Amino acid sequence: MFLDPVLRRAEPLLLRVDRIAGGRNAHEKIVESDRDHERTVRAFRWVFWLLALELVIGVAAVVVAVVIAVQAGSMAAVPFAVWMRALIVLAMTATLFYFAWRAALGWRWAYQRLRLFAQIFPVITLVMAAIPGLYPAWMVTEQIVFSLIMIGVADFLTSDHMRRVFRKPEAAADPGSSAADPAS
């Protein structure tokens, strides 16, 4: 990959970002054989494609808002809530790409963040879409589609295989332990 030398040089900075984003568990990586497993690689391939689709939808929402504003001759023709939603979706999708990339490299913290957000964002988005009058119909449709795609991302991330691969290190060391078992 042509970016490999650049990414290798940037890795110390990325590890600092990881430390902030990952907290005290930022150092935890999954074993290489699990990271390179065919099912893990395939799941992340799907996640990246779905996130790319989310990015396209986010850019399209901004374009639609700009077109409406230009046609009306005023940025105020598009409600503030629409501008905020469109820009937040773009920023959020970029963040999810970062998490997905780091998780695909085996960082457990990134998988946890990605899975959490993929499960929470559809709920938030659908609740906001249900608020009468907050968004125009085109944006409500965009939010519903966004949520459905994000549910697809969450589905890949919560598969039995992915949860096993990204399990807590203690659980990996003791396969007989149970999270419900207070002795473990």
N, C-alpha and C. Protein backbone atom coordinates (compact mmCIF):
# COMPACT_ATOMS: atom_id res chain seq x y z
N MET A 1 0.85 -1.18 0.00
CA MET A 1 0.00 0.00 0.00
C MET A 1 0.90 1.24 0.00
N PHE A 2 0.55 2.21 -0.81
CA PHE A 2 1.40 3.38 -0.96
C PHE A 2 1.41 4.27 0.29
N LEU A 3 0.44 4.13 1.18
CA LEU A 3 0.41 4.94 2.40
C LEU A 3 1.21 4.34 3.55
N ASP A 4 1.67 3.11 3.40
CA ASP A 4 2.38 2.44 4.49
C ASP A 4 3.53 3.25 5.07
N PRO A 5 4.43 3.82 4.26
CA PRO A 5 5.54 4.60 4.86
C PRO A 5 5.03 5.82 5.64
N VAL A 6 4.00 6.47 5.14
CA VAL A 6 3.44 7.64 5.82
C VAL A 6 2.80 7.20 7.14
N LEU A 7 2.04 6.12 7.09
CA LEU A 7 1.36 5.64 8.31
C LEU A 7 2.36 5.17 9.35
N ARG A 8 3.45 4.55 8.90
CA ARG A 8 4.48 4.11 9.85
C ARG A 8 5.10 5.30 10.57
N ARG A 9 5.33 6.39 9.84
CA ARG A 9 5.90 7.59 10.46
C ARG A 9 4.88 8.26 11.38
N ALA A 10 3.61 8.14 11.05
CA ALA A 10 2.56 8.78 11.85
C ALA A 10 2.15 7.94 13.06
N GLU A 11 2.59 6.69 13.10
CA GLU A 11 2.15 5.78 14.16
C GLU A 11 2.38 6.31 15.58
N PRO A 12 3.53 6.94 15.90
CA PRO A 12 3.68 7.48 17.26
C PRO A 12 2.58 8.49 17.63
N LEU A 13 2.22 9.35 16.69
CA LEU A 13 1.14 10.31 16.93
C LEU A 13 -0.19 9.57 17.08
N LEU A 14 -0.42 8.59 16.22
CA LEU A 14 -1.67 7.83 16.29
C LEU A 14 -1.79 7.08 17.60
N LEU A 15 -0.67 6.59 18.11
CA LEU A 15 -0.70 5.90 19.40
C LEU A 15 -1.08 6.86 20.54
N ARG A 16 -0.69 8.13 20.40
CA ARG A 16 -1.09 9.13 21.40
C ARG A 16 -2.60 9.38 21.32
N VAL A 17 -3.11 9.47 20.08
CA VAL A 17 -4.56 9.63 19.88
C VAL A 17 -5.28 8.41 20.45
N ASP A 18 -4.74 7.23 20.18
CA ASP A 18 -5.32 6.00 20.72
C ASP A 18 -5.37 6.03 22.24
N ARG A 19 -4.31 6.54 22.85
CA ARG A 19 -4.24 6.59 24.32
C ARG A 19 -5.36 7.46 24.87
N ILE A 20 -5.64 8.56 24.20
CA ILE A 20 -6.72 9.45 24.62
C ILE A 20 -8.07 8.78 24.37
N ALA A 21 -8.25 8.23 23.18
CA ALA A 21 -9.53 7.62 22.81
C ALA A 21 -9.77 6.29 23.52
N GLY A 22 -8.70 5.54 23.76
CA GLY A 22 -8.85 4.21 24.33
C GLY A 22 -8.77 4.14 25.83
N GLY A 23 -8.30 5.21 26.45
CA GLY A 23 -8.22 5.21 27.90
C GLY A 23 -7.21 4.22 28.43
N ARG A 24 -7.48 3.68 29.59
CA ARG A 24 -6.52 2.79 30.25
C ARG A 24 -6.32 1.47 29.52
N ASN A 25 -7.23 1.12 28.63
CA ASN A 25 -7.10 -0.13 27.88
C ASN A 25 -6.56 0.08 26.47
N ALA A 26 -5.98 1.25 26.22
CA ALA A 26 -5.50 1.58 24.87
C ALA A 26 -4.41 0.65 24.37
N HIS A 27 -3.74 -0.05 25.25
CA HIS A 27 -2.62 -0.92 24.87
C HIS A 27 -3.07 -2.32 24.43
N GLU A 28 -4.33 -2.67 24.64
CA GLU A 28 -4.79 -4.03 24.39
C GLU A 28 -5.02 -4.29 22.90
N LYS A 29 -4.35 -5.32 22.41
CA LYS A 29 -4.54 -5.75 21.02
C LYS A 29 -4.96 -7.22 21.03
N ILE A 30 -5.68 -7.58 19.99
CA ILE A 30 -6.04 -8.99 19.86
C ILE A 30 -4.88 -9.73 19.21
N VAL A 31 -4.90 -11.05 19.30
CA VAL A 31 -3.81 -11.83 18.72
C VAL A 31 -3.88 -11.76 17.19
N GLU A 32 -2.71 -11.85 16.57
CA GLU A 32 -2.62 -11.70 15.12
C GLU A 32 -3.47 -12.71 14.36
N SER A 33 -3.51 -13.94 14.84
CA SER A 33 -4.28 -14.96 14.13
C SER A 33 -5.77 -14.62 14.12
N ASP A 34 -6.27 -14.01 15.18
CA ASP A 34 -7.67 -13.57 15.20
C ASP A 34 -7.88 -12.36 14.29
N ARG A 35 -6.93 -11.43 14.33
CA ARG A 35 -7.04 -10.24 13.49
C ARG A 35 -7.03 -10.61 12.00
N ASP A 36 -6.21 -11.60 11.64
CA ASP A 36 -6.07 -11.98 10.23
C ASP A 36 -7.03 -13.09 9.81
N HIS A 37 -7.88 -13.52 10.73
CA HIS A 37 -8.84 -14.58 10.42
C HIS A 37 -9.77 -14.11 9.29
N GLU A 38 -10.12 -15.02 8.42
CA GLU A 38 -10.94 -14.70 7.25
C GLU A 38 -12.25 -14.01 7.64
N ARG A 39 -12.90 -14.47 8.69
CA ARG A 39 -14.18 -13.88 9.10
C ARG A 39 -14.00 -12.47 9.68
N THR A 40 -12.90 -12.23 10.36
CA THR A 40 -12.62 -10.90 10.90
C THR A 40 -12.37 -9.92 9.75
N VAL A 41 -11.53 -10.34 8.82
CA VAL A 41 -11.21 -9.49 7.67
C VAL A 41 -12.46 -9.18 6.86
N ARG A 42 -13.28 -10.19 6.63
CA ARG A 42 -14.52 -10.01 5.85
C ARG A 42 -15.48 -9.06 6.58
N ALA A 43 -15.60 -9.21 7.91
CA ALA A 43 -16.49 -8.32 8.67
C ALA A 43 -16.03 -6.87 8.54
N PHE A 44 -14.73 -6.64 8.68
CA PHE A 44 -14.24 -5.26 8.56
C PHE A 44 -14.37 -4.74 7.13
N ARG A 45 -14.23 -5.60 6.16
CA ARG A 45 -14.44 -5.16 4.77
C ARG A 45 -15.86 -4.62 4.62
N TRP A 46 -16.83 -5.36 5.14
CA TRP A 46 -18.23 -4.91 5.09
C TRP A 46 -18.42 -3.63 5.88
N VAL A 47 -17.83 -3.55 7.06
CA VAL A 47 -17.96 -2.35 7.88
C VAL A 47 -17.43 -1.13 7.13
N PHE A 48 -16.27 -1.27 6.48
CA PHE A 48 -15.71 -0.14 5.74
C PHE A 48 -16.61 0.26 4.58
N TRP A 49 -17.16 -0.70 3.87
CA TRP A 49 -18.08 -0.37 2.77
C TRP A 49 -19.33 0.33 3.28
N LEU A 50 -19.89 -0.15 4.37
CA LEU A 50 -21.08 0.48 4.93
C LEU A 50 -20.78 1.89 5.43
N LEU A 51 -19.61 2.07 6.05
CA LEU A 51 -19.23 3.41 6.49
C LEU A 51 -18.98 4.34 5.29
N ALA A 52 -18.44 3.80 4.21
CA ALA A 52 -18.27 4.61 3.00
C ALA A 52 -19.63 5.05 2.46
N LEU A 53 -20.59 4.16 2.50
CA LEU A 53 -21.95 4.50 2.09
C LEU A 53 -22.52 5.59 3.00
N GLU A 54 -22.26 5.48 4.30
CA GLU A 54 -22.68 6.51 5.25
C GLU A 54 -22.05 7.86 4.90
N LEU A 55 -20.78 7.82 4.53
CA LEU A 55 -20.08 9.05 4.14
C LEU A 55 -20.72 9.68 2.91
N VAL A 56 -21.05 8.86 1.93
CA VAL A 56 -21.71 9.36 0.72
C VAL A 56 -23.06 10.00 1.08
N ILE A 57 -23.81 9.34 1.93
CA ILE A 57 -25.11 9.88 2.36
C ILE A 57 -24.92 11.19 3.11
N GLY A 58 -23.90 11.26 3.95
CA GLY A 58 -23.62 12.49 4.69
C GLY A 58 -23.24 13.64 3.78
N VAL A 59 -22.39 13.37 2.79
CA VAL A 59 -22.01 14.39 1.82
C VAL A 59 -23.23 14.82 1.01
N ALA A 60 -24.06 13.86 0.62
CA ALA A 60 -25.28 14.18 -0.13
C ALA A 60 -26.20 15.08 0.67
N ALA A 61 -26.30 14.86 1.98
CA ALA A 61 -27.15 15.71 2.83
C ALA A 61 -26.63 17.15 2.84
N VAL A 62 -25.32 17.30 2.92
CA VAL A 62 -24.74 18.65 2.89
C VAL A 62 -24.99 19.29 1.53
N VAL A 63 -24.82 18.54 0.46
CA VAL A 63 -25.05 19.07 -0.90
C VAL A 63 -26.51 19.51 -1.06
N VAL A 64 -27.44 18.68 -0.60
CA VAL A 64 -28.86 19.04 -0.70
C VAL A 64 -29.12 20.33 0.08
N ALA A 65 -28.57 20.44 1.29
CA ALA A 65 -28.77 21.65 2.08
C ALA A 65 -28.19 22.88 1.38
N VAL A 66 -27.01 22.73 0.78
CA VAL A 66 -26.39 23.85 0.06
C VAL A 66 -27.24 24.24 -1.15
N VAL A 67 -27.71 23.27 -1.90
CA VAL A 67 -28.55 23.54 -3.08
C VAL A 67 -29.82 24.28 -2.66
N ILE A 68 -30.46 23.83 -1.61
CA ILE A 68 -31.67 24.51 -1.12
C ILE A 68 -31.35 25.94 -0.71
N ALA A 69 -30.25 26.14 -0.01
CA ALA A 69 -29.87 27.48 0.43
C ALA A 69 -29.54 28.39 -0.75
N VAL A 70 -28.84 27.85 -1.75
CA VAL A 70 -28.48 28.65 -2.93
C VAL A 70 -29.73 29.02 -3.72
N GLN A 71 -30.62 28.05 -3.90
CA GLN A 71 -31.85 28.34 -4.65
C GLN A 71 -32.71 29.37 -3.93
N ALA A 72 -32.71 29.34 -2.61
CA ALA A 72 -33.50 30.30 -1.83
C ALA A 72 -32.77 31.64 -1.69
N GLY A 73 -31.48 31.64 -1.99
CA GLY A 73 -30.70 32.87 -1.87
C GLY A 73 -30.31 33.22 -0.44
N SER A 74 -30.45 32.26 0.46
CA SER A 74 -30.11 32.53 1.85
C SER A 74 -29.80 31.23 2.57
N MET A 75 -28.73 31.26 3.38
CA MET A 75 -28.39 30.08 4.19
C MET A 75 -29.48 29.84 5.24
N ALA A 76 -30.20 30.88 5.59
CA ALA A 76 -31.26 30.77 6.59
C ALA A 76 -32.45 29.96 6.06
N ALA A 77 -32.49 29.71 4.76
CA ALA A 77 -33.58 28.91 4.19
C ALA A 77 -33.52 27.47 4.68
N VAL A 78 -32.33 27.08 5.12
CA VAL A 78 -32.15 25.72 5.67
C VAL A 78 -32.04 25.88 7.18
N PRO A 79 -32.91 25.20 7.93
CA PRO A 79 -32.88 25.34 9.40
C PRO A 79 -31.51 24.97 10.00
N PHE A 80 -31.20 25.64 11.09
CA PHE A 80 -29.94 25.41 11.79
C PHE A 80 -29.79 23.94 12.16
N ALA A 81 -30.86 23.29 12.57
CA ALA A 81 -30.83 21.87 12.96
C ALA A 81 -30.37 20.99 11.80
N VAL A 82 -30.73 21.36 10.58
CA VAL A 82 -30.33 20.59 9.40
C VAL A 82 -28.82 20.74 9.17
N TRP A 83 -28.31 21.97 9.27
CA TRP A 83 -26.87 22.18 9.10
C TRP A 83 -26.08 21.41 10.16
N MET A 84 -26.54 21.50 11.39
CA MET A 84 -25.84 20.80 12.48
C MET A 84 -25.87 19.30 12.26
N ARG A 85 -27.01 18.76 11.92
CA ARG A 85 -27.14 17.31 11.70
C ARG A 85 -26.21 16.88 10.58
N ALA A 86 -26.22 17.59 9.47
CA ALA A 86 -25.40 17.21 8.32
C ALA A 86 -23.91 17.24 8.66
N LEU A 87 -23.47 18.27 9.34
CA LEU A 87 -22.05 18.39 9.67
C LEU A 87 -21.63 17.39 10.75
N ILE A 88 -22.51 17.16 11.70
CA ILE A 88 -22.20 16.19 12.75
C ILE A 88 -22.08 14.79 12.17
N VAL A 89 -22.96 14.45 11.22
CA VAL A 89 -22.89 13.12 10.60
C VAL A 89 -21.55 12.94 9.88
N LEU A 90 -21.09 13.96 9.20
CA LEU A 90 -19.79 13.86 8.51
C LEU A 90 -18.65 13.67 9.51
N ALA A 91 -18.66 14.45 10.58
CA ALA A 91 -17.61 14.33 11.59
C ALA A 91 -17.68 12.97 12.28
N MET A 92 -18.88 12.53 12.58
CA MET A 92 -19.06 11.26 13.25
C MET A 92 -18.59 10.10 12.35
N THR A 93 -18.91 10.17 11.08
CA THR A 93 -18.51 9.11 10.16
C THR A 93 -16.99 9.06 10.04
N ALA A 94 -16.34 10.21 10.01
CA ALA A 94 -14.87 10.23 9.97
C ALA A 94 -14.31 9.57 11.23
N THR A 95 -14.90 9.86 12.37
CA THR A 95 -14.46 9.25 13.63
C THR A 95 -14.66 7.74 13.58
N LEU A 96 -15.80 7.30 13.05
CA LEU A 96 -16.08 5.87 12.97
C LEU A 96 -15.09 5.18 12.03
N PHE A 97 -14.68 5.87 10.96
CA PHE A 97 -13.66 5.31 10.07
C PHE A 97 -12.35 5.11 10.84
N TYR A 98 -11.99 6.07 11.67
CA TYR A 98 -10.77 5.95 12.46
C TYR A 98 -10.88 4.75 13.39
N PHE A 99 -12.00 4.64 14.09
CA PHE A 99 -12.20 3.50 14.99
C PHE A 99 -12.16 2.19 14.22
N ALA A 100 -12.80 2.14 13.07
CA ALA A 100 -12.83 0.90 12.28
C ALA A 100 -11.42 0.53 11.81
N TRP A 101 -10.67 1.52 11.37
CA TRP A 101 -9.31 1.28 10.90
C TRP A 101 -8.45 0.73 12.03
N ARG A 102 -8.52 1.36 13.21
CA ARG A 102 -7.71 0.91 14.33
C ARG A 102 -8.18 -0.46 14.83
N ALA A 103 -9.50 -0.70 14.81
CA ALA A 103 -10.02 -2.01 15.21
C ALA A 103 -9.56 -3.09 14.24
N ALA A 104 -9.55 -2.78 12.96
CA ALA A 104 -9.09 -3.75 11.96
C ALA A 104 -7.61 -4.08 12.15
N LEU A 105 -6.87 -3.16 12.75
CA LEU A 105 -5.46 -3.42 13.07
C LEU A 105 -5.31 -4.23 14.36
N GLY A 106 -6.45 -4.46 15.04
CA GLY A 106 -6.43 -5.31 16.23
C GLY A 106 -6.58 -4.60 17.56
N TRP A 107 -6.79 -3.30 17.56
CA TRP A 107 -6.92 -2.56 18.81
C TRP A 107 -8.31 -2.80 19.39
N ARG A 108 -8.34 -3.40 20.57
CA ARG A 108 -9.60 -3.76 21.22
C ARG A 108 -10.44 -2.53 21.57
N TRP A 109 -9.81 -1.47 22.06
CA TRP A 109 -10.54 -0.26 22.44
C TRP A 109 -11.31 0.30 21.25
N ALA A 110 -10.71 0.27 20.06
CA ALA A 110 -11.35 0.83 18.87
C ALA A 110 -12.58 0.01 18.49
N TYR A 111 -12.46 -1.30 18.61
CA TYR A 111 -13.62 -2.17 18.35
C TYR A 111 -14.75 -1.84 19.32
N GLN A 112 -14.41 -1.68 20.60
CA GLN A 112 -15.43 -1.38 21.60
C GLN A 112 -16.14 -0.06 21.30
N ARG A 113 -15.38 0.97 20.94
CA ARG A 113 -15.97 2.28 20.63
C ARG A 113 -16.85 2.17 19.38
N LEU A 114 -16.33 1.52 18.37
CA LEU A 114 -17.07 1.38 17.11
C LEU A 114 -18.38 0.63 17.35
N ARG A 115 -18.31 -0.47 18.07
CA ARG A 115 -19.51 -1.26 18.35
C ARG A 115 -20.52 -0.46 19.17
N LEU A 116 -20.04 0.25 20.19
CA LEU A 116 -20.92 1.06 21.02
C LEU A 116 -21.65 2.12 20.18
N PHE A 117 -20.89 2.88 19.40
CA PHE A 117 -21.50 3.95 18.61
C PHE A 117 -22.42 3.39 17.53
N ALA A 118 -22.06 2.25 16.95
CA ALA A 118 -22.91 1.65 15.91
C ALA A 118 -24.24 1.18 16.51
N GLN A 119 -24.26 0.90 17.79
CA GLN A 119 -25.50 0.49 18.43
C GLN A 119 -26.31 1.68 18.96
N ILE A 120 -25.63 2.74 19.36
CA ILE A 120 -26.31 3.89 19.95
C ILE A 120 -26.81 4.88 18.90
N PHE A 121 -25.99 5.17 17.89
CA PHE A 121 -26.35 6.20 16.92
C PHE A 121 -27.67 5.94 16.20
N PRO A 122 -27.99 4.71 15.81
CA PRO A 122 -29.29 4.51 15.15
C PRO A 122 -30.46 4.87 16.06
N VAL A 123 -30.36 4.58 17.33
CA VAL A 123 -31.44 4.90 18.27
C VAL A 123 -31.61 6.41 18.36
N ILE A 124 -30.50 7.12 18.57
CA ILE A 124 -30.54 8.58 18.67
C ILE A 124 -31.09 9.19 17.39
N THR A 125 -30.61 8.71 16.26
CA THR A 125 -31.02 9.25 14.97
C THR A 125 -32.51 9.03 14.73
N LEU A 126 -33.00 7.85 15.04
CA LEU A 126 -34.43 7.58 14.83
C LEU A 126 -35.31 8.38 15.78
N VAL A 127 -34.86 8.56 17.01
CA VAL A 127 -35.63 9.38 17.95
C VAL A 127 -35.71 10.82 17.45
N MET A 128 -34.57 11.34 16.99
CA MET A 128 -34.57 12.72 16.49
C MET A 128 -35.41 12.85 15.22
N ALA A 129 -35.38 11.83 14.38
CA ALA A 129 -36.19 11.87 13.15
C ALA A 129 -37.68 11.87 13.47
N ALA A 130 -38.04 11.32 14.62
CA ALA A 130 -39.45 11.23 15.01
C ALA A 130 -39.99 12.52 15.63
N ILE A 131 -39.13 13.49 15.92
CA ILE A 131 -39.59 14.76 16.50
C ILE A 131 -40.26 15.57 15.39
N PRO A 132 -41.54 15.81 15.52
CA PRO A 132 -42.28 16.52 14.46
C PRO A 132 -41.71 17.93 14.21
N GLY A 133 -41.47 18.22 12.94
CA GLY A 133 -41.06 19.55 12.54
C GLY A 133 -39.59 19.89 12.74
N LEU A 134 -38.83 19.00 13.34
CA LEU A 134 -37.42 19.31 13.58
C LEU A 134 -36.63 19.33 12.26
N TYR A 135 -36.91 18.36 11.41
CA TYR A 135 -36.21 18.25 10.12
C TYR A 135 -37.21 18.17 8.98
N PRO A 136 -36.79 18.63 7.80
CA PRO A 136 -37.65 18.45 6.62
C PRO A 136 -37.71 16.96 6.24
N ALA A 137 -38.68 16.60 5.44
CA ALA A 137 -38.91 15.20 5.08
C ALA A 137 -37.67 14.54 4.46
N TRP A 138 -36.93 15.27 3.63
CA TRP A 138 -35.76 14.67 2.98
C TRP A 138 -34.71 14.28 4.02
N MET A 139 -34.58 15.08 5.08
CA MET A 139 -33.58 14.76 6.09
C MET A 139 -34.07 13.64 7.00
N VAL A 140 -35.36 13.57 7.25
CA VAL A 140 -35.90 12.46 8.03
C VAL A 140 -35.62 11.15 7.29
N THR A 141 -35.82 11.17 5.97
CA THR A 141 -35.53 9.98 5.14
C THR A 141 -34.04 9.64 5.23
N GLU A 142 -33.19 10.66 5.15
CA GLU A 142 -31.74 10.44 5.25
C GLU A 142 -31.39 9.81 6.58
N GLN A 143 -32.03 10.27 7.65
CA GLN A 143 -31.73 9.74 8.98
C GLN A 143 -32.18 8.28 9.11
N ILE A 144 -33.30 7.95 8.52
CA ILE A 144 -33.78 6.57 8.58
C ILE A 144 -32.83 5.65 7.82
N VAL A 145 -32.41 6.07 6.63
CA VAL A 145 -31.46 5.27 5.84
C VAL A 145 -30.14 5.15 6.60
N PHE A 146 -29.65 6.26 7.15
CA PHE A 146 -28.43 6.26 7.95
C PHE A 146 -28.53 5.23 9.07
N SER A 147 -29.65 5.24 9.78
CA SER A 147 -29.85 4.31 10.90
C SER A 147 -29.84 2.86 10.46
N LEU A 148 -30.49 2.57 9.34
CA LEU A 148 -30.54 1.20 8.85
C LEU A 148 -29.14 0.70 8.48
N ILE A 149 -28.36 1.56 7.86
CA ILE A 149 -26.99 1.16 7.51
C ILE A 149 -26.16 0.97 8.77
N MET A 150 -26.32 1.85 9.74
CA MET A 150 -25.56 1.73 10.98
C MET A 150 -25.95 0.47 11.75
N ILE A 151 -27.21 0.08 11.65
CA ILE A 151 -27.63 -1.18 12.26
C ILE A 151 -26.90 -2.35 11.58
N GLY A 152 -26.68 -2.24 10.27
CA GLY A 152 -25.89 -3.25 9.56
C GLY A 152 -24.46 -3.32 10.07
N VAL A 153 -23.87 -2.16 10.33
CA VAL A 153 -22.51 -2.12 10.89
C VAL A 153 -22.51 -2.82 12.25
N ALA A 154 -23.47 -2.47 13.08
CA ALA A 154 -23.56 -3.07 14.42
C ALA A 154 -23.75 -4.58 14.32
N ASP A 155 -24.50 -5.03 13.34
CA ASP A 155 -24.75 -6.46 13.16
C ASP A 155 -23.44 -7.21 12.89
N PHE A 156 -22.60 -6.67 12.03
CA PHE A 156 -21.30 -7.30 11.77
C PHE A 156 -20.42 -7.30 13.02
N LEU A 157 -20.45 -6.21 13.76
CA LEU A 157 -19.57 -6.07 14.92
C LEU A 157 -20.01 -6.91 16.11
N THR A 158 -21.28 -7.27 16.17
CA THR A 158 -21.78 -8.04 17.31
C THR A 158 -21.95 -9.51 16.99
N SER A 159 -21.41 -9.95 15.88
CA SER A 159 -21.49 -11.37 15.56
C SER A 159 -20.73 -12.17 16.62
N ASP A 160 -21.08 -13.43 16.76
CA ASP A 160 -20.40 -14.28 17.75
C ASP A 160 -18.89 -14.29 17.51
N HIS A 161 -18.51 -14.38 16.24
CA HIS A 161 -17.07 -14.41 15.91
C HIS A 161 -16.37 -13.14 16.38
N MET A 162 -16.93 -11.98 16.05
CA MET A 162 -16.27 -10.71 16.40
C MET A 162 -16.23 -10.50 17.91
N ARG A 163 -17.29 -10.86 18.60
CA ARG A 163 -17.27 -10.72 20.06
C ARG A 163 -16.25 -11.66 20.69
N ARG A 164 -16.06 -12.85 20.11
CA ARG A 164 -15.05 -13.77 20.62
C ARG A 164 -13.64 -13.23 20.36
N VAL A 165 -13.43 -12.73 19.16
CA VAL A 165 -12.10 -12.22 18.78
C VAL A 165 -11.70 -11.02 19.64
N PHE A 166 -12.64 -10.14 19.95
CA PHE A 166 -12.34 -8.92 20.69
C PHE A 166 -12.72 -9.00 22.16
N ARG A 167 -12.80 -10.21 22.69
CA ARG A 167 -13.16 -10.39 24.10
C ARG A 167 -12.06 -9.80 25.00
N LYS A 168 -12.41 -9.62 26.27
CA LYS A 168 -11.44 -9.10 27.24
C LYS A 168 -10.27 -10.07 27.34
N PRO A 169 -9.07 -9.55 27.56
CA PRO A 169 -7.90 -10.43 27.68
C PRO A 169 -8.05 -11.49 28.77
N GLU A 170 -8.66 -11.15 29.91
CA GLU A 170 -8.85 -12.15 30.97
C GLU A 170 -9.74 -13.28 30.47
N ALA A 171 -10.77 -12.94 29.70
CA ALA A 171 -11.68 -13.96 29.17
C ALA A 171 -10.94 -14.84 28.17
N ALA A 172 -10.00 -14.26 27.45
CA ALA A 172 -9.23 -15.05 26.49
C ALA A 172 -8.30 -16.03 27.20
N ALA A 173 -7.75 -15.61 28.35
CA ALA A 173 -6.84 -16.45 29.10
C ALA A 173 -7.57 -17.60 29.79
N ASP A 174 -8.83 -17.35 30.17
CA ASP A 174 -9.60 -18.37 30.89
C ASP A 174 -10.94 -18.58 30.17
N PRO A 175 -10.96 -19.45 29.14
CA PRO A 175 -12.18 -19.64 28.36
C PRO A 175 -13.35 -20.17 29.17
N GLY A 176 -13.12 -20.72 30.34
CA GLY A 176 -14.20 -21.24 31.16
C GLY A 176 -14.84 -20.19 32.03
N SER A 177 -14.25 -18.97 32.09
CA SER A 177 -14.79 -17.94 32.96
C SER A 177 -16.04 -17.33 32.34
N SER A 178 -16.86 -16.77 33.19
CA SER A 178 -18.10 -16.15 32.74
C SER A 178 -18.18 -14.75 33.32
N ALA A 179 -18.70 -13.80 32.51
CA ALA A 179 -18.84 -12.43 32.98
C ALA A 179 -19.84 -12.37 34.15
N ALA A 180 -20.77 -13.33 34.18
CA ALA A 180 -21.76 -13.34 35.24
C ALA A 180 -21.21 -13.95 36.52
N ASP A 181 -20.07 -14.62 36.43
CA ASP A 181 -19.48 -15.29 37.59
C ASP A 181 -18.69 -14.27 38.40
N PRO A 182 -19.14 -13.91 39.61
CA PRO A 182 -18.45 -12.90 40.40
C PRO A 182 -17.06 -13.34 40.85
N ALA A 183 -16.80 -14.62 40.83
CA ALA A 183 -15.49 -15.11 41.26
C ALA A 183 -14.42 -14.87 40.22
N SER A 184 -14.81 -14.60 38.98
CA SER A 184 -13.80 -14.44 37.91
C SER A 184 -13.32 -13.01 37.80
